[in-house]
Amino acid sequence: MMWKWRRHREAQGIRDQSLSRETRSGTRLAREVEAFLSGLSGEWFIARGRDVPAWAYVNQIAHSEPDLLWQLAAWQRAREARLTTQPDRRVDGLSWRGAVAVLASEILELGGSDPGSIRQIQLDRLQPLESALMAQTTRLVSPEQLVARGRAYLRDHPSCEPPP
């Protein structure tokens, strides 16, 4: 009968206090790692009401599948189309979403339509940027600075031609 009682409590969303603190901590850690590896660290921070660090924006593009990168890049293309139809519109800077979209576009441009190349660029260039940003806990980075650093990391990729 104990299992019915526990299952009923789980179905109602009641936390089982009999779980040890270590078990709950381990579960939280596993969820955080899962979010990191799937590119969802930013959402993990938002769900907890915390500020999203710059590395979490890079996390999204460094670990996402090409289909999601295309979706992220589409936002930037739509924004650029709006700006060309409204040339007098003033742009005061780049948002974090815009920074992610710009870098997603650049990865796709470098990798073409080859998922293997895109993944290699993510591994070789963006994950090191993500790690470097994680190590810089005291220095804040703006969306524009993130794009500049991201482009610098991407330009070091062997498949990228140097700018003219």
N, C-alpha and C. Protein backbone atom coordinates (compact mmCIF):
# COMPACT_ATOMS: atom_id res chain seq x y z
N MET A 1 0.81 -1.19 0.00
CA MET A 1 0.00 0.00 0.00
C MET A 1 0.85 1.26 0.00
N MET A 2 2.08 1.18 0.49
CA MET A 2 2.96 2.34 0.57
C MET A 2 3.19 2.94 -0.81
N TRP A 3 3.34 2.10 -1.85
CA TRP A 3 3.62 2.60 -3.18
C TRP A 3 2.45 3.41 -3.73
N LYS A 4 1.19 3.01 -3.41
CA LYS A 4 0.03 3.78 -3.86
C LYS A 4 0.03 5.16 -3.24
N TRP A 5 0.35 5.24 -1.97
CA TRP A 5 0.38 6.53 -1.27
C TRP A 5 1.44 7.44 -1.88
N ARG A 6 2.64 6.89 -2.11
CA ARG A 6 3.73 7.68 -2.70
C ARG A 6 3.37 8.12 -4.12
N ARG A 7 2.80 7.23 -4.90
CA ARG A 7 2.43 7.57 -6.28
C ARG A 7 1.35 8.64 -6.29
N HIS A 8 0.39 8.57 -5.37
CA HIS A 8 -0.66 9.57 -5.27
C HIS A 8 -0.05 10.94 -4.95
N ARG A 9 0.91 10.97 -4.04
CA ARG A 9 1.58 12.24 -3.68
C ARG A 9 2.35 12.79 -4.88
N GLU A 10 3.01 11.92 -5.64
CA GLU A 10 3.75 12.36 -6.82
C GLU A 10 2.81 12.93 -7.87
N ALA A 11 1.65 12.28 -8.06
CA ALA A 11 0.69 12.74 -9.06
C ALA A 11 0.15 14.13 -8.70
N GLN A 12 0.06 14.42 -7.42
CA GLN A 12 -0.43 15.72 -6.97
C GLN A 12 0.68 16.77 -6.91
N GLY A 13 1.90 16.37 -7.18
CA GLY A 13 3.02 17.31 -7.15
C GLY A 13 3.50 17.62 -5.75
N ILE A 14 3.20 16.76 -4.79
CA ILE A 14 3.64 16.97 -3.41
C ILE A 14 5.04 16.39 -3.27
N ARG A 15 5.96 17.21 -2.77
CA ARG A 15 7.34 16.77 -2.61
C ARG A 15 7.42 15.71 -1.51
N ASP A 16 8.14 14.68 -1.81
CA ASP A 16 8.32 13.59 -0.85
C ASP A 16 9.47 13.96 0.09
N GLN A 17 9.13 14.28 1.31
CA GLN A 17 10.14 14.69 2.29
C GLN A 17 11.04 13.55 2.73
N SER A 18 10.65 12.31 2.36
CA SER A 18 11.48 11.19 2.76
C SER A 18 12.74 11.08 1.89
N LEU A 19 12.77 11.79 0.77
CA LEU A 19 13.98 11.78 -0.05
C LEU A 19 15.07 12.54 0.67
N SER A 20 16.24 12.01 0.62
CA SER A 20 17.35 12.65 1.32
C SER A 20 17.74 13.95 0.63
N ARG A 21 18.38 14.80 1.37
CA ARG A 21 18.87 16.07 0.82
C ARG A 21 19.85 15.81 -0.33
N GLU A 22 20.68 14.78 -0.16
CA GLU A 22 21.65 14.44 -1.21
C GLU A 22 20.95 13.99 -2.48
N THR A 23 19.86 13.25 -2.33
CA THR A 23 19.12 12.80 -3.51
C THR A 23 18.52 13.99 -4.25
N ARG A 24 17.92 14.92 -3.51
CA ARG A 24 17.34 16.10 -4.15
C ARG A 24 18.44 16.95 -4.80
N SER A 25 19.57 17.10 -4.13
CA SER A 25 20.69 17.87 -4.70
C SER A 25 21.22 17.20 -5.96
N GLY A 26 21.31 15.89 -5.92
CA GLY A 26 21.78 15.15 -7.10
C GLY A 26 20.83 15.30 -8.27
N THR A 27 19.54 15.29 -7.98
CA THR A 27 18.54 15.47 -9.03
C THR A 27 18.65 16.87 -9.64
N ARG A 28 18.82 17.87 -8.79
CA ARG A 28 18.98 19.25 -9.29
C ARG A 28 20.24 19.36 -10.15
N LEU A 29 21.33 18.77 -9.70
CA LEU A 29 22.58 18.81 -10.45
C LEU A 29 22.42 18.13 -11.81
N ALA A 30 21.76 16.98 -11.82
CA ALA A 30 21.55 16.27 -13.09
C ALA A 30 20.73 17.12 -14.06
N ARG A 31 19.72 17.81 -13.55
CA ARG A 31 18.90 18.68 -14.41
C ARG A 31 19.71 19.86 -14.94
N GLU A 32 20.57 20.41 -14.10
CA GLU A 32 21.40 21.53 -14.54
C GLU A 32 22.39 21.08 -15.62
N VAL A 33 22.99 19.92 -15.43
CA VAL A 33 23.92 19.38 -16.43
C VAL A 33 23.20 19.08 -17.73
N GLU A 34 22.01 18.52 -17.62
CA GLU A 34 21.21 18.24 -18.82
C GLU A 34 20.90 19.53 -19.57
N ALA A 35 20.54 20.58 -18.84
CA ALA A 35 20.26 21.87 -19.47
C ALA A 35 21.52 22.40 -20.16
N PHE A 36 22.67 22.27 -19.50
CA PHE A 36 23.93 22.75 -20.08
C PHE A 36 24.24 22.02 -21.38
N LEU A 37 24.17 20.70 -21.35
CA LEU A 37 24.54 19.91 -22.53
C LEU A 37 23.57 20.05 -23.69
N SER A 38 22.35 20.46 -23.40
CA SER A 38 21.36 20.63 -24.48
C SER A 38 21.23 22.10 -24.91
N GLY A 39 22.06 22.98 -24.35
CA GLY A 39 22.03 24.38 -24.75
C GLY A 39 20.92 25.18 -24.09
N LEU A 40 20.43 24.72 -22.97
CA LEU A 40 19.31 25.38 -22.30
C LEU A 40 19.70 26.01 -20.97
N SER A 41 20.96 26.34 -20.79
CA SER A 41 21.38 26.95 -19.53
C SER A 41 20.69 28.29 -19.28
N GLY A 42 20.49 29.07 -20.32
CA GLY A 42 19.81 30.35 -20.16
C GLY A 42 18.41 30.17 -19.60
N GLU A 43 17.68 29.19 -20.12
CA GLU A 43 16.34 28.92 -19.60
C GLU A 43 16.39 28.43 -18.17
N TRP A 44 17.43 27.68 -17.82
CA TRP A 44 17.60 27.20 -16.45
C TRP A 44 17.74 28.39 -15.50
N PHE A 45 18.54 29.39 -15.89
CA PHE A 45 18.71 30.59 -15.05
C PHE A 45 17.39 31.37 -14.94
N ILE A 46 16.71 31.54 -16.06
CA ILE A 46 15.45 32.29 -16.08
C ILE A 46 14.41 31.62 -15.20
N ALA A 47 14.31 30.29 -15.29
CA ALA A 47 13.33 29.55 -14.49
C ALA A 47 13.56 29.73 -12.99
N ARG A 48 14.77 30.05 -12.60
CA ARG A 48 15.09 30.25 -11.19
C ARG A 48 15.13 31.72 -10.80
N GLY A 49 14.75 32.59 -11.73
CA GLY A 49 14.70 34.01 -11.45
C GLY A 49 16.07 34.65 -11.29
N ARG A 50 17.06 34.09 -11.96
CA ARG A 50 18.42 34.60 -11.85
C ARG A 50 18.82 35.30 -13.14
N ASP A 51 19.80 36.19 -13.04
CA ASP A 51 20.35 36.84 -14.23
C ASP A 51 21.05 35.81 -15.08
N VAL A 52 20.92 35.97 -16.38
CA VAL A 52 21.55 35.04 -17.32
C VAL A 52 22.94 35.55 -17.64
N PRO A 53 23.99 34.77 -17.33
CA PRO A 53 25.34 35.20 -17.66
C PRO A 53 25.60 35.09 -19.17
N ALA A 54 26.58 35.82 -19.65
CA ALA A 54 26.89 35.84 -21.09
C ALA A 54 27.21 34.45 -21.62
N TRP A 55 27.90 33.63 -20.82
CA TRP A 55 28.26 32.30 -21.31
C TRP A 55 27.02 31.46 -21.62
N ALA A 56 25.90 31.73 -20.93
CA ALA A 56 24.69 30.94 -21.16
C ALA A 56 24.08 31.24 -22.52
N TYR A 57 24.29 32.45 -23.03
CA TYR A 57 23.83 32.75 -24.39
C TYR A 57 24.67 31.99 -25.41
N VAL A 58 25.96 31.91 -25.17
CA VAL A 58 26.84 31.14 -26.05
C VAL A 58 26.49 29.66 -25.93
N ASN A 59 26.11 29.22 -24.73
CA ASN A 59 25.71 27.83 -24.51
C ASN A 59 24.62 27.41 -25.48
N GLN A 60 23.68 28.30 -25.73
CA GLN A 60 22.57 27.97 -26.61
C GLN A 60 23.05 27.66 -28.02
N ILE A 61 23.98 28.45 -28.53
CA ILE A 61 24.43 28.22 -29.90
C ILE A 61 25.57 27.21 -29.99
N ALA A 62 26.27 26.99 -28.89
CA ALA A 62 27.38 26.03 -28.89
C ALA A 62 26.90 24.59 -28.78
N HIS A 63 25.67 24.38 -28.32
CA HIS A 63 25.19 23.01 -28.09
C HIS A 63 23.92 22.68 -28.86
N SER A 64 23.37 23.62 -29.62
CA SER A 64 22.11 23.39 -30.33
C SER A 64 22.31 22.61 -31.61
N GLU A 65 21.26 21.93 -32.00
CA GLU A 65 21.24 21.22 -33.28
C GLU A 65 21.09 22.25 -34.40
N PRO A 66 21.53 21.92 -35.62
CA PRO A 66 21.43 22.86 -36.74
C PRO A 66 20.01 23.40 -36.98
N ASP A 67 18.98 22.58 -36.78
CA ASP A 67 17.61 23.07 -36.98
C ASP A 67 17.29 24.24 -36.06
N LEU A 68 17.72 24.16 -34.82
CA LEU A 68 17.48 25.26 -33.88
C LEU A 68 18.34 26.47 -34.26
N LEU A 69 19.55 26.24 -34.73
CA LEU A 69 20.39 27.36 -35.17
C LEU A 69 19.70 28.11 -36.31
N TRP A 70 19.06 27.39 -37.23
CA TRP A 70 18.34 28.05 -38.33
C TRP A 70 17.21 28.90 -37.77
N GLN A 71 16.51 28.40 -36.76
CA GLN A 71 15.43 29.17 -36.15
C GLN A 71 15.97 30.43 -35.47
N LEU A 72 17.08 30.28 -34.76
CA LEU A 72 17.68 31.43 -34.08
C LEU A 72 18.15 32.47 -35.10
N ALA A 73 18.75 32.01 -36.18
CA ALA A 73 19.26 32.91 -37.21
C ALA A 73 18.12 33.61 -37.95
N ALA A 74 16.99 32.97 -38.07
CA ALA A 74 15.84 33.56 -38.77
C ALA A 74 15.40 34.85 -38.09
N TRP A 75 15.53 34.92 -36.78
CA TRP A 75 15.14 36.13 -36.06
C TRP A 75 15.98 37.31 -36.54
N GLN A 76 17.27 37.12 -36.73
CA GLN A 76 18.15 38.19 -37.20
C GLN A 76 17.82 38.59 -38.64
N ARG A 77 17.53 37.60 -39.48
CA ARG A 77 17.18 37.93 -40.87
C ARG A 77 15.89 38.74 -40.92
N ALA A 78 14.93 38.40 -40.08
CA ALA A 78 13.66 39.15 -40.03
C ALA A 78 13.91 40.57 -39.53
N ARG A 79 14.78 40.72 -38.57
CA ARG A 79 15.12 42.04 -38.03
C ARG A 79 15.79 42.90 -39.10
N GLU A 80 16.73 42.32 -39.84
CA GLU A 80 17.41 43.05 -40.90
C GLU A 80 16.43 43.47 -42.00
N ALA A 81 15.47 42.61 -42.32
CA ALA A 81 14.47 42.94 -43.33
C ALA A 81 13.62 44.12 -42.88
N ARG A 82 13.26 44.16 -41.60
CA ARG A 82 12.48 45.28 -41.07
C ARG A 82 13.29 46.57 -41.15
N LEU A 83 14.58 46.49 -40.85
CA LEU A 83 15.42 47.69 -40.87
C LEU A 83 15.62 48.23 -42.28
N THR A 84 15.68 47.34 -43.28
CA THR A 84 15.86 47.82 -44.65
C THR A 84 14.59 48.45 -45.18
N THR A 85 13.43 48.02 -44.69
CA THR A 85 12.17 48.64 -45.14
C THR A 85 11.88 49.93 -44.38
N GLN A 86 12.57 50.13 -43.25
CA GLN A 86 12.40 51.33 -42.44
C GLN A 86 13.78 51.94 -42.18
N PRO A 87 14.41 52.53 -43.19
CA PRO A 87 15.79 52.99 -43.05
C PRO A 87 15.98 54.11 -42.02
N ASP A 88 14.94 54.86 -41.71
CA ASP A 88 15.08 55.95 -40.74
C ASP A 88 14.98 55.46 -39.30
N ARG A 89 14.66 54.21 -39.12
CA ARG A 89 14.50 53.67 -37.78
C ARG A 89 15.86 53.58 -37.09
N ARG A 90 15.95 54.10 -35.89
CA ARG A 90 17.21 54.13 -35.14
C ARG A 90 17.39 52.83 -34.35
N VAL A 91 18.57 52.26 -34.41
CA VAL A 91 18.88 51.05 -33.66
C VAL A 91 19.85 51.44 -32.55
N ASP A 92 19.44 51.21 -31.31
CA ASP A 92 20.25 51.62 -30.17
C ASP A 92 21.18 50.54 -29.66
N GLY A 93 21.31 49.48 -30.31
CA GLY A 93 22.20 48.43 -29.84
C GLY A 93 21.58 47.07 -30.08
N LEU A 94 22.33 46.11 -29.75
CA LEU A 94 21.96 44.74 -30.00
C LEU A 94 21.41 44.12 -28.71
N SER A 95 20.35 43.37 -28.82
CA SER A 95 19.81 42.65 -27.67
C SER A 95 20.57 41.32 -27.54
N TRP A 96 20.35 40.64 -26.44
CA TRP A 96 20.98 39.32 -26.28
C TRP A 96 20.44 38.36 -27.32
N ARG A 97 19.14 38.44 -27.59
CA ARG A 97 18.55 37.59 -28.61
C ARG A 97 19.18 37.88 -29.97
N GLY A 98 19.42 39.15 -30.24
CA GLY A 98 20.06 39.53 -31.49
C GLY A 98 21.49 39.01 -31.58
N ALA A 99 22.21 39.06 -30.47
CA ALA A 99 23.58 38.55 -30.45
C ALA A 99 23.60 37.06 -30.74
N VAL A 100 22.69 36.33 -30.14
CA VAL A 100 22.60 34.88 -30.40
C VAL A 100 22.26 34.64 -31.87
N ALA A 101 21.35 35.42 -32.40
CA ALA A 101 20.95 35.26 -33.80
C ALA A 101 22.11 35.54 -34.75
N VAL A 102 22.88 36.59 -34.48
CA VAL A 102 24.02 36.92 -35.34
C VAL A 102 25.03 35.78 -35.34
N LEU A 103 25.37 35.28 -34.16
CA LEU A 103 26.36 34.20 -34.09
C LEU A 103 25.83 32.90 -34.69
N ALA A 104 24.53 32.63 -34.52
CA ALA A 104 23.94 31.44 -35.14
C ALA A 104 24.04 31.56 -36.66
N SER A 105 23.77 32.75 -37.20
CA SER A 105 23.87 32.98 -38.65
C SER A 105 25.28 32.74 -39.15
N GLU A 106 26.24 33.22 -38.38
CA GLU A 106 27.64 33.07 -38.81
C GLU A 106 28.09 31.61 -38.78
N ILE A 107 27.64 30.86 -37.80
CA ILE A 107 27.98 29.43 -37.74
C ILE A 107 27.41 28.72 -38.96
N LEU A 108 26.17 29.02 -39.26
CA LEU A 108 25.52 28.38 -40.41
C LEU A 108 26.19 28.77 -41.72
N GLU A 109 26.63 30.01 -41.81
CA GLU A 109 27.34 30.46 -43.01
C GLU A 109 28.66 29.71 -43.16
N LEU A 110 29.38 29.56 -42.06
CA LEU A 110 30.66 28.85 -42.11
C LEU A 110 30.48 27.36 -42.37
N GLY A 111 29.48 26.76 -41.73
CA GLY A 111 29.28 25.32 -41.84
C GLY A 111 28.46 24.89 -43.03
N GLY A 112 27.83 25.85 -43.70
CA GLY A 112 26.97 25.50 -44.83
C GLY A 112 25.80 24.66 -44.35
N SER A 113 25.43 23.71 -45.13
CA SER A 113 24.31 22.85 -44.76
C SER A 113 24.79 21.51 -44.21
N ASP A 114 26.07 21.42 -43.91
CA ASP A 114 26.64 20.17 -43.42
C ASP A 114 26.59 20.12 -41.89
N PRO A 115 25.73 19.28 -41.33
CA PRO A 115 25.62 19.19 -39.87
C PRO A 115 26.94 18.82 -39.19
N GLY A 116 27.75 18.01 -39.86
CA GLY A 116 29.05 17.64 -39.30
C GLY A 116 29.99 18.83 -39.18
N SER A 117 30.01 19.68 -40.20
CA SER A 117 30.84 20.89 -40.15
C SER A 117 30.34 21.85 -39.09
N ILE A 118 29.03 22.00 -39.00
CA ILE A 118 28.45 22.89 -37.99
C ILE A 118 28.83 22.41 -36.60
N ARG A 119 28.69 21.12 -36.38
CA ARG A 119 29.03 20.55 -35.06
C ARG A 119 30.51 20.75 -34.75
N GLN A 120 31.37 20.58 -35.75
CA GLN A 120 32.80 20.76 -35.53
C GLN A 120 33.12 22.21 -35.17
N ILE A 121 32.47 23.15 -35.81
CA ILE A 121 32.67 24.57 -35.49
C ILE A 121 32.22 24.84 -34.06
N GLN A 122 31.09 24.25 -33.68
CA GLN A 122 30.61 24.43 -32.31
C GLN A 122 31.65 23.89 -31.31
N LEU A 123 32.17 22.72 -31.59
CA LEU A 123 33.14 22.10 -30.68
C LEU A 123 34.47 22.85 -30.64
N ASP A 124 34.96 23.23 -31.82
CA ASP A 124 36.29 23.84 -31.91
C ASP A 124 36.33 25.31 -31.49
N ARG A 125 35.24 26.05 -31.75
CA ARG A 125 35.28 27.50 -31.55
C ARG A 125 34.34 28.03 -30.49
N LEU A 126 33.11 27.57 -30.48
CA LEU A 126 32.15 28.16 -29.55
C LEU A 126 32.23 27.60 -28.15
N GLN A 127 32.52 26.32 -28.02
CA GLN A 127 32.66 25.78 -26.67
C GLN A 127 33.87 26.36 -25.94
N PRO A 128 35.00 26.62 -26.62
CA PRO A 128 36.09 27.34 -25.94
C PRO A 128 35.70 28.76 -25.53
N LEU A 129 34.91 29.44 -26.36
CA LEU A 129 34.42 30.78 -25.99
C LEU A 129 33.52 30.67 -24.76
N GLU A 130 32.65 29.70 -24.75
CA GLU A 130 31.77 29.47 -23.61
C GLU A 130 32.60 29.26 -22.34
N SER A 131 33.62 28.44 -22.42
CA SER A 131 34.50 28.19 -21.26
C SER A 131 35.23 29.45 -20.82
N ALA A 132 35.71 30.22 -21.79
CA ALA A 132 36.42 31.46 -21.45
C ALA A 132 35.50 32.44 -20.74
N LEU A 133 34.26 32.53 -21.19
CA LEU A 133 33.31 33.43 -20.55
C LEU A 133 32.93 32.94 -19.15
N MET A 134 32.89 31.64 -18.96
CA MET A 134 32.60 31.09 -17.63
C MET A 134 33.70 31.46 -16.64
N ALA A 135 34.92 31.50 -17.12
CA ALA A 135 36.06 31.80 -16.26
C ALA A 135 36.10 33.27 -15.86
N GLN A 136 35.45 34.14 -16.64
CA GLN A 136 35.44 35.58 -16.36
C GLN A 136 34.21 35.93 -15.52
N THR A 137 34.25 35.63 -14.26
CA THR A 137 33.07 35.85 -13.43
C THR A 137 32.88 37.31 -13.04
N THR A 138 33.92 38.13 -13.08
CA THR A 138 33.79 39.50 -12.62
C THR A 138 33.55 40.50 -13.74
N ARG A 139 33.95 40.20 -14.94
CA ARG A 139 33.83 41.16 -16.05
C ARG A 139 32.52 40.95 -16.80
N LEU A 140 31.74 42.01 -16.92
CA LEU A 140 30.49 41.94 -17.65
C LEU A 140 30.76 42.09 -19.14
N VAL A 141 29.93 41.46 -19.93
CA VAL A 141 30.06 41.50 -21.38
C VAL A 141 28.72 41.97 -21.95
N SER A 142 28.76 42.91 -22.88
CA SER A 142 27.54 43.38 -23.54
C SER A 142 27.23 42.46 -24.73
N PRO A 143 26.01 42.54 -25.26
CA PRO A 143 25.71 41.74 -26.46
C PRO A 143 26.65 42.07 -27.64
N GLU A 144 26.99 43.34 -27.80
CA GLU A 144 27.91 43.72 -28.89
C GLU A 144 29.29 43.10 -28.67
N GLN A 145 29.76 43.12 -27.42
CA GLN A 145 31.07 42.52 -27.12
C GLN A 145 31.03 41.02 -27.32
N LEU A 146 29.91 40.40 -26.99
CA LEU A 146 29.77 38.96 -27.19
C LEU A 146 29.88 38.62 -28.67
N VAL A 147 29.21 39.40 -29.52
CA VAL A 147 29.28 39.17 -30.96
C VAL A 147 30.71 39.36 -31.45
N ALA A 148 31.38 40.41 -30.99
CA ALA A 148 32.76 40.66 -31.42
C ALA A 148 33.67 39.50 -31.01
N ARG A 149 33.53 39.04 -29.78
CA ARG A 149 34.37 37.92 -29.33
C ARG A 149 34.00 36.64 -30.07
N GLY A 150 32.70 36.44 -30.29
CA GLY A 150 32.27 35.25 -31.03
C GLY A 150 32.82 35.24 -32.43
N ARG A 151 32.78 36.38 -33.09
CA ARG A 151 33.33 36.47 -34.45
C ARG A 151 34.83 36.22 -34.45
N ALA A 152 35.52 36.71 -33.45
CA ALA A 152 36.96 36.48 -33.36
C ALA A 152 37.26 34.99 -33.21
N TYR A 153 36.48 34.32 -32.37
CA TYR A 153 36.67 32.87 -32.20
C TYR A 153 36.32 32.13 -33.49
N LEU A 154 35.26 32.54 -34.16
CA LEU A 154 34.85 31.87 -35.40
C LEU A 154 35.85 32.11 -36.53
N ARG A 155 36.46 33.26 -36.59
CA ARG A 155 37.40 33.57 -37.66
C ARG A 155 38.68 32.75 -37.55
N ASP A 156 38.96 32.25 -36.40
CA ASP A 156 40.13 31.38 -36.23
C ASP A 156 39.87 29.98 -36.75
N HIS A 157 38.62 29.70 -37.11
CA HIS A 157 38.29 28.37 -37.61
C HIS A 157 38.93 28.16 -38.97
N PRO A 158 39.51 26.98 -39.22
CA PRO A 158 40.20 26.72 -40.50
C PRO A 158 39.33 26.92 -41.73
N SER A 159 38.00 26.75 -41.61
CA SER A 159 37.16 26.88 -42.79
C SER A 159 36.81 28.34 -43.10
N CYS A 160 37.24 29.25 -42.24
CA CYS A 160 36.90 30.66 -42.45
C CYS A 160 38.03 31.37 -43.17
N GLU A 161 37.67 32.09 -44.21
CA GLU A 161 38.67 32.87 -44.92
C GLU A 161 38.91 34.17 -44.14
N PRO A 162 40.15 34.66 -44.13
CA PRO A 162 40.41 35.91 -43.44
C PRO A 162 39.69 37.06 -44.12
N PRO A 163 39.25 38.06 -43.32
CA PRO A 163 38.56 39.20 -43.93
C PRO A 163 39.48 39.98 -44.84
N PRO A 164 38.92 40.61 -45.92
CA PRO A 164 39.76 41.33 -46.89
C PRO A 164 40.38 42.58 -46.28
